[in-house]
C-alpha atoms as a PDB file:
ATOM      1  CA  MET A   1      50.584  47.251 179.786  1.00  0.00           C
ATOM      2  CA  ASN A   2      47.125  45.931 179.065  1.00  0.00           C
ATOM      3  CA  CYS A   3      48.131  45.729 175.480  1.00  0.00           C
ATOM      4  CA  GLY A   4      44.519  44.124 174.941  1.00  0.00           C
ATOM      5  CA  GLY A   5      42.590  46.673 176.462  1.00  0.00           C
ATOM      6  CA  PHE A   6      44.384  49.429 174.452  1.00  0.00           C
ATOM      7  CA  PHE A   7      43.458  47.966 170.938  1.00  0.00           C
ATOM      8  CA  ASP A   8      40.223  45.856 172.185  1.00  0.00           C
ATOM      9  CA  VAL A   9      42.085  42.697 170.456  1.00  0.00           C
ATOM     10  CA  ASP A  10      39.048  40.595 172.646  1.00  0.00           C
ATOM     11  CA  ALA A  11      36.755  42.169 170.534  1.00  0.00           C
ATOM     12  CA  LYS A  12      38.521  41.311 167.338  1.00  0.00           C
ATOM     13  CA  ARG A  13      38.728  38.022 168.737  1.00  0.00           C
ATOM     14  CA  SER A  14      35.197  37.448 169.443  1.00  0.00           C
ATOM     15  CA  ALA A  15      34.549  39.015 165.725  1.00  0.00           C
ATOM     16  CA  LEU A  16      37.160  36.357 164.428  1.00  0.00           C
ATOM     17  CA  SER A  17      35.836  33.327 166.328  1.00  0.00           C
ATOM     18  CA  GLY A  18      31.712  34.859 164.702  1.00  0.00           C
ATOM     19  CA  LEU A  19      33.291  34.855 161.366  1.00  0.00           C
ATOM     20  CA  GLU A  20      35.092  31.493 161.001  1.00  0.00           C
ATOM     21  CA  GLU A  21      32.069  30.138 162.739  1.00  0.00           C
ATOM     22  CA  ARG A  22      30.185  31.602 159.760  1.00  0.00           C
ATOM     23  CA  MET A  23      32.658  29.834 157.366  1.00  0.00           C
ATOM     24  CA  THR A  24      31.768  26.346 158.667  1.00  0.00           C
ATOM     25  CA  ILE A  25      27.798  26.663 157.897  1.00  0.00           C
ATOM     26  CA  PRO A  26      27.039  24.341 154.883  1.00  0.00           C
ATOM     27  CA  GLY A  27      26.562  26.545 151.628  1.00  0.00           C
ATOM     28  CA  PHE A  28      28.536  29.337 152.794  1.00  0.00           C
ATOM     29  CA  TRP A  29      30.789  29.602 149.322  1.00  0.00           C
ATOM     30  CA  ASP A  30      27.060  28.956 147.694  1.00  0.00           C
ATOM     31  CA  ASP A  31      27.500  33.183 147.384  1.00  0.00           C
ATOM     32  CA  GLN A  32      31.066  33.492 146.566  1.00  0.00           C
ATOM     33  CA  GLU A  33      30.929  37.699 146.335  1.00  0.00           C
ATOM     34  CA  LYS A  34      29.769  37.710 150.342  1.00  0.00           C
ATOM     35  CA  ALA A  35      32.190  34.675 151.252  1.00  0.00           C
ATOM     36  CA  ARG A  36      34.767  36.213 149.647  1.00  0.00           C
ATOM     37  CA  GLY A  37      33.884  39.606 151.705  1.00  0.00           C
ATOM     38  CA  ILE A  38      34.067  37.490 155.074  1.00  0.00           C
ATOM     39  CA  VAL A  39      37.321  35.637 154.152  1.00  0.00           C
ATOM     40  CA  GLN A  40      38.496  39.144 153.469  1.00  0.00           C
ATOM     41  CA  GLN A  41      37.979  40.123 157.103  1.00  0.00           C
ATOM     42  CA  VAL A  42      39.006  37.111 158.566  1.00  0.00           C
ATOM     43  CA  LYS A  43      42.567  38.030 156.976  1.00  0.00           C
ATOM     44  CA  SER A  44      42.279  41.352 158.200  1.00  0.00           C
ATOM     45  CA  LEU A  45      41.544  40.563 162.021  1.00  0.00           C
ATOM     46  CA  LYS A  46      44.273  37.804 162.053  1.00  0.00           C
ATOM     47  CA  GLY A  47      46.661  40.546 161.091  1.00  0.00           C
ATOM     48  CA  TRP A  48      45.703  42.175 164.060  1.00  0.00           C
ATOM     49  CA  ILE A  49      45.482  39.546 166.227  1.00  0.00           C
ATOM     50  CA  ASP A  50      48.490  37.716 166.054  1.00  0.00           C
ATOM     51  CA  PRO A  51      51.091  40.754 166.414  1.00  0.00           C
ATOM     52  CA  LEU A  52      48.663  41.460 169.258  1.00  0.00           C
ATOM     53  CA  GLU A  53      49.010  38.331 171.108  1.00  0.00           C
ATOM     54  CA  GLU A  54      52.871  37.415 170.305  1.00  0.00           C
ATOM     55  CA  LEU A  55      53.489  41.090 172.207  1.00  0.00           C
ATOM     56  CA  GLU A  56      51.014  39.884 175.147  1.00  0.00           C
ATOM     57  CA  ALA A  57      53.343  37.052 175.477  1.00  0.00           C
ATOM     58  CA  ARG A  58      56.570  38.615 175.471  1.00  0.00           C
ATOM     59  CA  VAL A  59      54.700  41.256 177.885  1.00  0.00           C
ATOM     60  CA  ARG A  60      54.101  38.231 180.555  1.00  0.00           C
ATOM     61  CA  GLU A  61      57.300  37.196 180.281  1.00  0.00           C
ATOM     62  CA  ALA A  62      58.946  40.305 180.760  1.00  0.00           C
ATOM     63  CA  ILE A  63      56.535  40.469 184.151  1.00  0.00           C
ATOM     64  CA  GLU A  64      57.446  37.412 185.468  1.00  0.00           C
ATOM     65  CA  LEU A  65      61.134  38.142 184.693  1.00  0.00           C
ATOM     66  CA  GLU A  66      60.781  41.700 186.472  1.00  0.00           C
ATOM     67  CA  ALA A  67      59.466  39.412 189.534  1.00  0.00           C
ATOM     68  CA  LEU A  68      62.203  37.202 189.511  1.00  0.00           C
ATOM     69  CA  LEU A  69      64.533  39.912 189.412  1.00  0.00           C
ATOM     70  CA  THR A  70      62.987  41.099 192.642  1.00  0.00           C
ATOM     71  CA  THR A  71      64.038  38.561 194.787  1.00  0.00           C
ATOM     72  CA  GLU A  72      66.988  37.167 192.311  1.00  0.00           C
ATOM     73  CA  PRO A  73      69.170  40.305 191.161  1.00  0.00           C
ATOM     74  CA  ASP A  74      71.556  38.834 188.409  1.00  0.00           C
ATOM     75  CA  ALA A  75      73.590  41.038 185.818  1.00  0.00           C
ATOM     76  CA  GLU A  76      72.820  38.798 182.987  1.00  0.00           C
ATOM     77  CA  LEU A  77      68.849  38.646 183.225  1.00  0.00           C
ATOM     78  CA  GLU A  78      68.888  42.566 184.124  1.00  0.00           C
ATOM     79  CA  ALA A  79      70.529  42.120 180.563  1.00  0.00           C
ATOM     80  CA  GLU A  80      67.900  40.518 178.993  1.00  0.00           C
ATOM     81  CA  LEU A  81      64.980  42.030 180.050  1.00  0.00           C
ATOM     82  CA  ASP A  82      66.037  45.270 179.044  1.00  0.00           C
ATOM     83  CA  SER A  83      66.769  43.492 175.523  1.00  0.00           C
ATOM     84  CA  GLU A  84      62.852  42.081 175.653  1.00  0.00           C
ATOM     85  CA  MET A  85      61.743  45.465 176.964  1.00  0.00           C
ATOM     86  CA  GLU A  86      63.208  47.657 173.746  1.00  0.00           C
ATOM     87  CA  GLN A  87      61.513  44.449 171.612  1.00  0.00           C
ATOM     88  CA  ILE A  88      58.569  45.052 173.225  1.00  0.00           C
ATOM     89  CA  GLU A  89      58.540  48.783 172.258  1.00  0.00           C
ATOM     90  CA  THR A  90      59.372  48.226 168.890  1.00  0.00           C
ATOM     91  CA  GLY A  91      57.021  45.616 168.638  1.00  0.00           C
ATOM     92  CA  LEU A  92      53.842  48.104 169.981  1.00  0.00           C
ATOM     93  CA  ALA A  93      55.546  50.793 167.529  1.00  0.00           C
ATOM     94  CA  ASP A  94      54.657  48.310 164.685  1.00  0.00           C
ATOM     95  CA  ILE A  95      50.971  47.546 166.291  1.00  0.00           C
ATOM     96  CA  GLU A  96      50.269  51.101 166.382  1.00  0.00           C
ATOM     97  CA  LEU A  97      51.129  52.180 162.706  1.00  0.00           C
ATOM     98  CA  HIS A  98      49.056  49.097 162.064  1.00  0.00           C
ATOM     99  CA  SER A  99      46.100  51.024 163.302  1.00  0.00           C
ATOM    100  CA  LEU A 100      46.582  53.810 161.002  1.00  0.00           C
ATOM    101  CA  LEU A 101      45.771  51.336 157.902  1.00  0.00           C
ATOM    102  CA  ARG A 102      42.145  51.830 157.545  1.00  0.00           C
ATOM    103  CA  SER A 103      41.250  50.419 153.822  1.00  0.00           C
ATOM    104  CA  PRO A 104      40.330  46.982 153.110  1.00  0.00           C
ATOM    105  CA  ASP A 105      43.135  46.034 150.771  1.00  0.00           C
ATOM    106  CA  ASP A 106      46.220  47.358 152.875  1.00  0.00           C
ATOM    107  CA  ILE A 107      46.577  43.539 153.896  1.00  0.00           C
ATOM    108  CA  ARG A 108      47.391  42.850 150.799  1.00  0.00           C
ATOM    109  CA  ASP A 109      50.971  42.148 149.239  1.00  0.00           C
ATOM    110  CA  ALA A 110      52.071  44.966 147.274  1.00  0.00           C
ATOM    111  CA  GLN A 111      53.419  45.847 143.429  1.00  0.00           C
ATOM    112  CA  VAL A 112      56.082  48.329 142.720  1.00  0.00           C
ATOM    113  CA  GLU A 113      56.126  49.464 139.722  1.00  0.00           C
ATOM    114  CA  ILE A 114      59.753  51.787 139.597  1.00  0.00           C
ATOM    115  CA  SER A 115      59.938  53.723 136.151  1.00  0.00           C
ATOM    116  CA  ALA A 116      63.694  56.215 135.698  1.00  0.00           C
ATOM    117  CA  GLY A 117      62.455  59.603 133.704  1.00  0.00           C
ATOM    118  CA  ALA A 118      63.646  61.158 131.248  1.00  0.00           C
ATOM    119  CA  GLY A 119      67.795  61.398 131.294  1.00  0.00           C
ATOM    120  CA  GLY A 120      69.222  58.909 130.474  1.00  0.00           C
ATOM    121  CA  THR A 121      72.322  56.673 132.501  1.00  0.00           C
ATOM    122  CA  GLU A 122      71.662  58.913 135.597  1.00  0.00           C
ATOM    123  CA  ALA A 123      68.177  59.143 135.884  1.00  0.00           C
ATOM    124  CA  GLN A 124      68.296  54.931 135.252  1.00  0.00           C
ATOM    125  CA  ASP A 125      71.000  54.517 137.760  1.00  0.00           C
ATOM    126  CA  TRP A 126      68.355  56.485 140.084  1.00  0.00           C
ATOM    127  CA  ALA A 127      65.907  54.316 139.448  1.00  0.00           C
ATOM    128  CA  GLU A 128      67.975  50.905 139.972  1.00  0.00           C
ATOM    129  CA  MET A 129      69.033  52.854 143.442  1.00  0.00           C
ATOM    130  CA  LEU A 130      65.683  52.836 144.400  1.00  0.00           C
ATOM    131  CA  MET A 131      64.862  49.372 143.459  1.00  0.00           C
ATOM    132  CA  ARG A 132      67.445  48.602 146.429  1.00  0.00           C
ATOM    133  CA  MET A 133      66.396  50.673 149.042  1.00  0.00           C
ATOM    134  CA  TYR A 134      62.830  49.544 148.512  1.00  0.00           C
ATOM    135  CA  THR A 135      64.312  45.817 148.606  1.00  0.00           C
ATOM    136  CA  ARG A 136      66.418  46.461 151.439  1.00  0.00           C
ATOM    137  CA  TRP A 137      63.266  47.849 153.622  1.00  0.00           C
ATOM    138  CA  ALA A 138      61.320  44.870 152.759  1.00  0.00           C
ATOM    139  CA  GLU A 139      64.230  42.138 154.235  1.00  0.00           C
ATOM    140  CA  ARG A 140      64.120  44.362 157.335  1.00  0.00           C
ATOM    141  CA  ARG A 141      60.621  43.777 157.697  1.00  0.00           C
ATOM    142  CA  GLY A 142      61.406  39.684 156.486  1.00  0.00           C
ATOM    143  CA  TYR A 143      59.197  40.724 153.357  1.00  0.00           C
ATOM    144  CA  GLU A 144      59.565  38.432 150.597  1.00  0.00           C
ATOM    145  CA  VAL A 145      60.688  40.480 147.053  1.00  0.00           C
ATOM    146  CA  GLU A 146      60.297  38.524 143.678  1.00  0.00           C
ATOM    147  CA  VAL A 147      61.695  40.789 140.495  1.00  0.00           C
ATOM    148  CA  LEU A 148      58.755  40.164 137.902  1.00  0.00           C
ATOM    149  CA  ASP A 149      60.239  41.967 135.160  1.00  0.00           C
ATOM    150  CA  MET A 150      63.117  44.436 134.783  1.00  0.00           C
ATOM    151  CA  SER A 151      64.718  46.578 131.695  1.00  0.00           C
ATOM    152  CA  GLU A 152      68.357  47.098 132.583  1.00  0.00           C
ATOM    153  CA  GLY A 153      69.895  50.246 131.093  1.00  0.00           C
ATOM    154  CA  GLU A 154      72.203  50.838 128.176  1.00  0.00           C
ATOM    155  CA  GLU A 155      75.477  51.601 130.205  1.00  0.00           C
ATOM    156  CA  ALA A 156      74.119  51.503 134.116  1.00  0.00           C
ATOM    157  CA  GLY A 157      70.788  50.822 135.966  1.00  0.00           C
ATOM    158  CA  ILE A 158      67.683  50.166 134.738  1.00  0.00           C
ATOM    159  CA  LYS A 159      64.845  52.026 132.649  1.00  0.00           C
ATOM    160  CA  GLY A 160      62.347  50.220 134.349  1.00  0.00           C
ATOM    161  CA  ALA A 161      61.403  47.548 136.918  1.00  0.00           C
ATOM    162  CA  VAL A 162      58.316  45.445 138.999  1.00  0.00           C
ATOM    163  CA  LEU A 163      58.751  44.227 142.519  1.00  0.00           C
ATOM    164  CA  GLU A 164      56.217  41.915 144.109  1.00  0.00           C
ATOM    165  CA  ILE A 165      56.688  42.897 147.844  1.00  0.00           C
ATOM    166  CA  ARG A 166      54.991  40.485 149.999  1.00  0.00           C
ATOM    167  CA  GLY A 167      54.098  40.787 153.675  1.00  0.00           C
ATOM    168  CA  PRO A 168      51.597  41.685 156.003  1.00  0.00           C
ATOM    169  CA  ASN A 169      50.213  45.271 155.520  1.00  0.00           C
ATOM    170  CA  ALA A 170      53.104  45.627 152.076  1.00  0.00           C
ATOM    171  CA  TYR A 171      50.823  47.669 150.289  1.00  0.00           C
ATOM    172  CA  GLY A 172      49.188  49.665 153.369  1.00  0.00           C
ATOM    173  CA  PHE A 173      52.542  50.723 153.447  1.00  0.00           C
ATOM    174  CA  LEU A 174      54.030  51.348 150.329  1.00  0.00           C
ATOM    175  CA  LYS A 175      50.917  52.738 149.121  1.00  0.00           C
ATOM    176  CA  ALA A 176      52.486  56.105 150.993  1.00  0.00           C
ATOM    177  CA  GLU A 177      55.187  55.823 148.188  1.00  0.00           C
ATOM    178  CA  THR A 178      53.837  56.436 145.397  1.00  0.00           C
ATOM    179  CA  GLY A 179      55.065  59.458 142.973  1.00  0.00           C
ATOM    180  CA  VAL A 180      58.214  61.057 142.022  1.00  0.00           C
ATOM    181  CA  HIS A 181      61.542  60.866 143.767  1.00  0.00           C
ATOM    182  CA  ARG A 182      64.188  63.740 143.131  1.00  0.00           C
ATOM    183  CA  LEU A 183      67.688  62.315 143.649  1.00  0.00           C
ATOM    184  CA  VAL A 184      70.339  65.742 143.460  1.00  0.00           C
ATOM    185  CA  ARG A 185      74.329  64.321 143.342  1.00  0.00           C
ATOM    186  CA  ILE A 186      77.639  65.028 141.932  1.00  0.00           C
ATOM    187  CA  SER A 187      77.470  62.693 139.037  1.00  0.00           C
ATOM    188  CA  PRO A 188      79.477  59.537 138.887  1.00  0.00           C
ATOM    189  CA  PHE A 189      78.888  59.911 135.380  1.00  0.00           C
ATOM    190  CA  ASP A 190      79.871  63.236 134.566  1.00  0.00           C
ATOM    191  CA  SER A 191      83.880  63.664 134.128  1.00  0.00           C
ATOM    192  CA  GLN A 192      83.411  67.170 135.063  1.00  0.00           C
ATOM    193  CA  ALA A 193      81.825  66.349 138.754  1.00  0.00           C
ATOM    194  CA  ARG A 194      79.084  68.715 138.129  1.00  0.00           C
ATOM    195  CA  ARG A 195      75.628  68.017 140.488  1.00  0.00           C
ATOM    196  CA  HIS A 196      72.361  66.218 138.332  1.00  0.00           C
ATOM    197  CA  THR A 197      69.077  66.274 139.535  1.00  0.00           C
ATOM    198  CA  SER A 198      67.596  62.865 138.370  1.00  0.00           C
ATOM    199  CA  PHE A 199      63.955  61.665 138.755  1.00  0.00           C
ATOM    200  CA  ALA A 200      62.170  58.534 138.983  1.00  0.00           C
ATOM    201  CA  SER A 201      58.979  57.050 139.288  1.00  0.00           C
ATOM    202  CA  LEU A 202      56.948  54.934 141.882  1.00  0.00           C
ATOM    203  CA  PHE A 203      53.583  53.402 141.390  1.00  0.00           C
ATOM    204  CA  VAL A 204      52.136  51.067 143.785  1.00  0.00           C
ATOM    205  CA  TYR A 205      49.543  48.290 143.954  1.00  0.00           C
ATOM    206  CA  PRO A 206      47.408  46.285 145.550  1.00  0.00           C
ATOM    207  CA  VAL A 207      48.394  42.417 144.507  1.00  0.00           C
ATOM    208  CA  VAL A 208      44.596  40.590 143.322  1.00  0.00           C
ATOM    209  CA  ASP A 209      44.416  37.155 144.835  1.00  0.00           C
ATOM    210  CA  ASP A 210      42.214  34.353 144.122  1.00  0.00           C
ATOM    211  CA  GLU A 211      39.893  35.399 146.644  1.00  0.00           C
ATOM    212  CA  ILE A 212      38.964  39.017 144.000  1.00  0.00           C
ATOM    213  CA  ARG A 213      37.582  38.084 141.250  1.00  0.00           C
ATOM    214  CA  ILE A 214      38.736  40.066 138.013  1.00  0.00           C
ATOM    215  CA  ASP A 215      37.214  38.936 134.803  1.00  0.00           C
ATOM    216  CA  ILE A 216      39.566  39.328 131.444  1.00  0.00           C
ATOM    217  CA  ASP A 217      38.077  38.228 127.835  1.00  0.00           C
ATOM    218  CA  GLU A 218      41.369  36.862 126.119  1.00  0.00           C
ATOM    219  CA  ASP A 219      39.550  38.402 122.964  1.00  0.00           C
ATOM    220  CA  ASP A 220      40.506  41.867 124.938  1.00  0.00           C
ATOM    221  CA  ILE A 221      44.371  41.024 125.182  1.00  0.00           C
ATOM    222  CA  ARG A 222      46.589  41.704 122.392  1.00  0.00           C
ATOM    223  CA  MET A 223      49.839  39.405 123.405  1.00  0.00           C
ATOM    224  CA  ASP A 224      53.690  40.133 121.388  1.00  0.00           C
ATOM    225  CA  VAL A 225      56.497  37.953 122.203  1.00  0.00           C
ATOM    226  CA  PHE A 226      60.413  39.333 122.066  1.00  0.00           C
ATOM    227  CA  ARG A 227      63.669  38.520 122.874  1.00  0.00           C
ATOM    228  CA  ALA A 228      64.783  39.169 126.432  1.00  0.00           C
ATOM    229  CA  SER A 229      66.633  42.062 126.983  1.00  0.00           C
ATOM    230  CA  GLY A 230      70.103  42.250 129.113  1.00  0.00           C
ATOM    231  CA  ALA A 231      73.523  43.610 129.586  1.00  0.00           C
ATOM    232  CA  GLY A 232      74.870  42.281 126.476  1.00  0.00           C
ATOM    233  CA  GLY A 233      76.145  38.569 125.343  1.00  0.00           C
ATOM    234  CA  GLN A 234      75.498  36.047 126.521  1.00  0.00           C
ATOM    235  CA  HIS A 235      73.143  37.657 129.307  1.00  0.00           C
ATOM    236  CA  VAL A 236      70.222  38.177 126.382  1.00  0.00           C
ATOM    237  CA  ASN A 237      67.924  35.241 125.523  1.00  0.00           C
ATOM    238  CA  LYS A 238      68.742  34.457 122.120  1.00  0.00           C
ATOM    239  CA  THR A 239      64.683  32.518 122.117  1.00  0.00           C
ATOM    240  CA  SER A 240      61.220  34.765 122.637  1.00  0.00           C
ATOM    241  CA  SER A 241      60.263  34.162 125.626  1.00  0.00           C
ATOM    242  CA  ALA A 242      59.737  37.943 127.111  1.00  0.00           C
ATOM    243  CA  VAL A 243      56.008  38.382 126.755  1.00  0.00           C
ATOM    244  CA  ARG A 244      54.231  41.848 126.698  1.00  0.00           C
ATOM    245  CA  LEU A 245      50.021  41.673 127.323  1.00  0.00           C
ATOM    246  CA  THR A 246      47.966  44.576 126.012  1.00  0.00           C
ATOM    247  CA  HIS A 247      44.983  44.882 127.344  1.00  0.00           C
ATOM    248  CA  ILE A 248      42.392  46.467 124.280  1.00  0.00           C
ATOM    249  CA  PRO A 249      39.698  47.971 126.027  1.00  0.00           C
ATOM    250  CA  SER A 250      41.552  49.945 128.788  1.00  0.00           C
ATOM    251  CA  GLY A 251      45.462  50.124 127.034  1.00  0.00           C
ATOM    252  CA  VAL A 252      46.967  49.011 130.155  1.00  0.00           C
ATOM    253  CA  VAL A 253      49.944  47.028 129.214  1.00  0.00           C
ATOM    254  CA  VAL A 254      52.622  44.979 130.970  1.00  0.00           C
ATOM    255  CA  SER A 255      55.530  42.572 130.396  1.00  0.00           C
ATOM    256  CA  SER A 256      57.106  40.085 131.783  1.00  0.00           C
ATOM    257  CA  GLN A 257      60.739  38.192 131.052  1.00  0.00           C
ATOM    258  CA  ALA A 258      61.679  37.186 134.250  1.00  0.00           C
ATOM    259  CA  GLU A 259      61.451  33.913 133.552  1.00  0.00           C
ATOM    260  CA  ARG A 260      63.096  31.605 130.469  1.00  0.00           C
ATOM    261  CA  SER A 261      59.990  30.595 130.106  1.00  0.00           C
ATOM    262  CA  GLN A 262      57.325  32.320 127.313  1.00  0.00           C
ATOM    263  CA  PHE A 263      54.379  30.295 129.550  1.00  0.00           C
ATOM    264  CA  LYS A 264      55.633  31.545 133.028  1.00  0.00           C
ATOM    265  CA  ASN A 265      56.109  34.950 131.626  1.00  0.00           C
ATOM    266  CA  ARG A 266      52.817  35.384 130.654  1.00  0.00           C
ATOM    267  CA  ALA A 267      51.333  33.917 133.923  1.00  0.00           C
ATOM    268  CA  THR A 268      53.743  36.560 135.378  1.00  0.00           C
ATOM    269  CA  ALA A 269      52.244  39.402 133.489  1.00  0.00           C
ATOM    270  CA  MET A 270      48.411  38.044 133.544  1.00  0.00           C
ATOM    271  CA  LYS A 271      48.654  38.909 137.171  1.00  0.00           C
ATOM    272  CA  MET A 272      50.110  41.748 136.775  1.00  0.00           C
ATOM    273  CA  LEU A 273      47.685  42.981 134.523  1.00  0.00           C
ATOM    274  CA  LYS A 274      44.591  41.429 136.857  1.00  0.00           C
ATOM    275  CA  ASN A 275      46.728  44.067 139.578  1.00  0.00           C
ATOM    276  CA  LYS A 276      46.469  47.222 137.095  1.00  0.00           C
ATOM    277  CA  LEU A 277      42.873  46.430 136.716  1.00  0.00           C
ATOM    278  CA  TYR A 278      41.722  46.015 140.088  1.00  0.00           C
ATOM    279  CA  GLN A 279      43.710  49.325 141.007  1.00  0.00           C
ATOM    280  CA  ILE A 280      41.855  51.258 137.948  1.00  0.00           C
ATOM    281  CA  GLU A 281      38.454  49.980 139.574  1.00  0.00           C
ATOM    282  CA  LEU A 282      39.432  51.134 143.013  1.00  0.00           C
ATOM    283  CA  ASP A 283      40.111  54.296 141.324  1.00  0.00           C
ATOM    284  CA  LYS A 284      36.744  54.725 139.889  1.00  0.00           C
ATOM    285  CA  GLN A 285      35.533  54.373 143.135  1.00  0.00           C
ATOM    286  CA  ASN A 286      37.332  56.970 144.814  1.00  0.00           C
ATOM    287  CA  ALA A 287      37.174  59.488 141.963  1.00  0.00           C
ATOM    288  CA  ALA A 288      34.372  61.516 143.811  1.00  0.00           C
ATOM    289  CA  LYS A 289      36.138  61.549 146.486  1.00  0.00           C
ATOM    290  CA  ALA A 290      39.532  62.290 145.367  1.00  0.00           C
ATOM    291  CA  ALA A 291      37.917  65.703 143.636  1.00  0.00           C
ATOM    292  CA  LEU A 292      36.632  66.350 146.743  1.00  0.00           C
ATOM    293  CA  ASN A 293      39.777  65.841 148.903  1.00  0.00           C
ATOM    294  CA  ASP A 294      43.002  66.591 146.069  1.00  0.00           C
ATOM    295  CA  THR A 295      45.693  65.283 148.263  1.00  0.00           C
ATOM    296  CA  LYS A 296      47.222  63.306 146.527  1.00  0.00           C
ATOM    297  CA  ALA A 297      50.241  65.356 144.305  1.00  0.00           C
ATOM    298  CA  ASP A 298      50.442  64.598 140.820  1.00  0.00           C
ATOM    299  CA  VAL A 299      52.579  61.780 139.604  1.00  0.00           C
ATOM    300  CA  SER A 300      54.257  63.895 136.727  1.00  0.00           C
ATOM    301  CA  PHE A 301      58.040  64.943 136.657  1.00  0.00           C
ATOM    302  CA  GLY A 302      58.792  68.095 138.575  1.00  0.00           C
ATOM    303  CA  SER A 303      55.306  67.449 141.106  1.00  0.00           C
ATOM    304  CA  GLN A 304      57.899  65.256 143.397  1.00  0.00           C
ATOM    305  CA  ILE A 305      57.124  63.631 146.840  1.00  0.00           C
ATOM    306  CA  ARG A 306      60.455  63.348 148.140  1.00  0.00           C
ATOM    307  CA  SER A 307      63.535  64.578 147.565  1.00  0.00           C
ATOM    308  CA  TYR A 308      67.025  63.270 148.763  1.00  0.00           C
ATOM    309  CA  VAL A 309      70.205  65.525 148.088  1.00  0.00           C
ATOM    310  CA  PHE A 310      73.456  63.618 148.643  1.00  0.00           C
ATOM    311  CA  GLN A 311      75.472  67.289 147.700  1.00  0.00           C
ATOM    312  CA  PRO A 312      76.298  69.990 148.501  1.00  0.00           C
ATOM    313  CA  TYR A 313      74.619  68.594 151.847  1.00  0.00           C
ATOM    314  CA  THR A 314      72.845  65.304 152.599  1.00  0.00           C
ATOM    315  CA  MET A 315      68.913  65.801 153.634  1.00  0.00           C
ATOM    316  CA  VAL A 316      65.890  63.906 152.691  1.00  0.00           C
ATOM    317  CA  ASN A 317      62.931  65.858 152.800  1.00  0.00           C
ATOM    318  CA  ASP A 318      58.808  64.906 152.159  1.00  0.00           C
ATOM    319  CA  HIS A 319      57.352  67.415 150.748  1.00  0.00           C
ATOM    320  CA  ARG A 320      54.172  66.544 151.516  1.00  0.00           C
ATOM    321  CA  THR A 321      54.653  65.820 155.274  1.00  0.00           C
ATOM    322  CA  GLU A 322      57.996  68.159 155.533  1.00  0.00           C
ATOM    323  CA  LEU A 323      59.864  64.985 157.368  1.00  0.00           C
ATOM    324  CA  LYS A 324      63.456  65.301 157.036  1.00  0.00           C
ATOM    325  CA  ILE A 325      66.185  62.745 158.018  1.00  0.00           C
ATOM    326  CA  PRO A 326      69.914  64.294 157.263  1.00  0.00           C
ATOM    327  CA  ASP A 327      71.071  60.595 157.175  1.00  0.00           C
ATOM    328  CA  VAL A 328      71.031  59.538 153.289  1.00  0.00           C
ATOM    329  CA  GLN A 329      73.034  56.739 153.489  1.00  0.00           C
ATOM    330  CA  LYS A 330      70.203  55.325 156.144  1.00  0.00           C
ATOM    331  CA  VAL A 331      67.518  56.100 153.962  1.00  0.00           C
ATOM    332  CA  MET A 332      69.195  54.473 151.183  1.00  0.00           C
ATOM    333  CA  ASP A 333      69.677  51.356 152.960  1.00  0.00           C
ATOM    334  CA  GLY A 334      65.816  50.622 153.093  1.00  0.00           C
ATOM    335  CA  GLY A 335      65.069  52.712 156.701  1.00  0.00           C
ATOM    336  CA  ILE A 336      61.980  54.412 155.027  1.00  0.00           C
ATOM    337  CA  ASP A 337      59.218  53.807 157.863  1.00  0.00           C
ATOM    338  CA  PRO A 338      59.450  57.518 159.420  1.00  0.00           C
ATOM    339  CA  PHE A 339      58.482  58.203 156.269  1.00  0.00           C
ATOM    340  CA  ILE A 340      55.601  56.029 156.026  1.00  0.00           C
ATOM    341  CA  GLU A 341      54.601  56.586 159.383  1.00  0.00           C
ATOM    342  CA  ALA A 342      54.724  60.121 158.806  1.00  0.00           C
ATOM    343  CA  TYR A 343      52.007  59.992 155.496  1.00  0.00           C
ATOM    344  CA  LEU A 344      49.742  57.663 157.580  1.00  0.00           C
ATOM    345  CA  LYS A 345      49.760  59.547 160.352  1.00  0.00           C
ATOM    346  CA  MET A 346      48.959  63.007 158.422  1.00  0.00           C
ATOM    347  CA  THR A 347      46.146  61.326 155.647  1.00  0.00           C
ATOM    348  CA  THR A 348      44.483  59.931 158.792  1.00  0.00           C
ATOM    349  CA  ALA A 349      44.446  62.939 160.804  1.00  0.00           C
ATOM    350  CA  GLY A 350      42.965  64.429 157.394  1.00  0.00           C
ATOM    351  CA  GLY A 351      40.315  61.761 156.962  1.00  0.00           C
ATOM    352  CA  GLU A 352      42.016  60.045 154.029  1.00  0.00           C
ATOM    353  CA  ARG A 353      40.902  56.465 153.410  1.00  0.00           C
ATOM    354  CA  THR A 354      43.589  55.077 150.407  1.00  0.00           C
END
């Protein structure tokens, strides 16, 4: 198994070495725009090289273990080799999936915005189910999840939430999830046990780090403060610590109420605003291409990218790739990687570079 040759890791190591050498040259940061571009390339290359080197180390250990077994058969060692081979196969599959990520922003963390659709408690419960699904997916991959903002429903569920999911290629994977998600089930909130259809929308943005400069004029921002909402009683803040920022030129509105400190909530809201404005700029740059290659579903209710059916049968169906998975509970527990992989393969084969 020659991972290095298959993924041309030597070329990537050489490119990384050259870029790191350039970063040591005096005056490197004089041209900050150019310097940020190089730093981004270094991050991208390391995102390739680190997993490849880990996989290569596992392969070497497996080869040595296999050689040992030819001279000293041992049932325990054989079981260890089988386990190691399974992990190698998993690592190789992850790297092959990584090879489908082509955008410079794919390596970034992701900001995930979940909004309940029309339908009151049903839709709000569905939005909370989706929040749990993406949280479980992130935890499975060893990613960090932080709730930046959340508005609870009156009876159950959430009206909306904003999550920041931190980990290698989080945005590259999760961008495939942008769109409307549809739920069909027997409602636990209906005394007549009727079947209901609910919708929730998902938007995913790349998280802007300090290497990308997004200039926002403070005069263009209107800040409103309010009391954080909650389930009621002692859970509701008694002070106006929640913050809502409106970017007047673009009309973008963000809010944060996760912290008790108004100062911290404003800092979080500013970060969310920068992420959204960055995405708007990316959308402007890609507008011409999108007009020619409109493969993206209209993000509106009734135009779902995926349906989750709990009754009368169980099935999760992605309407873009036509991939169907009958094990709904596994999907809801974070098992969405097959859908992400199918979407990335479809868009890569079609020439899309989002």
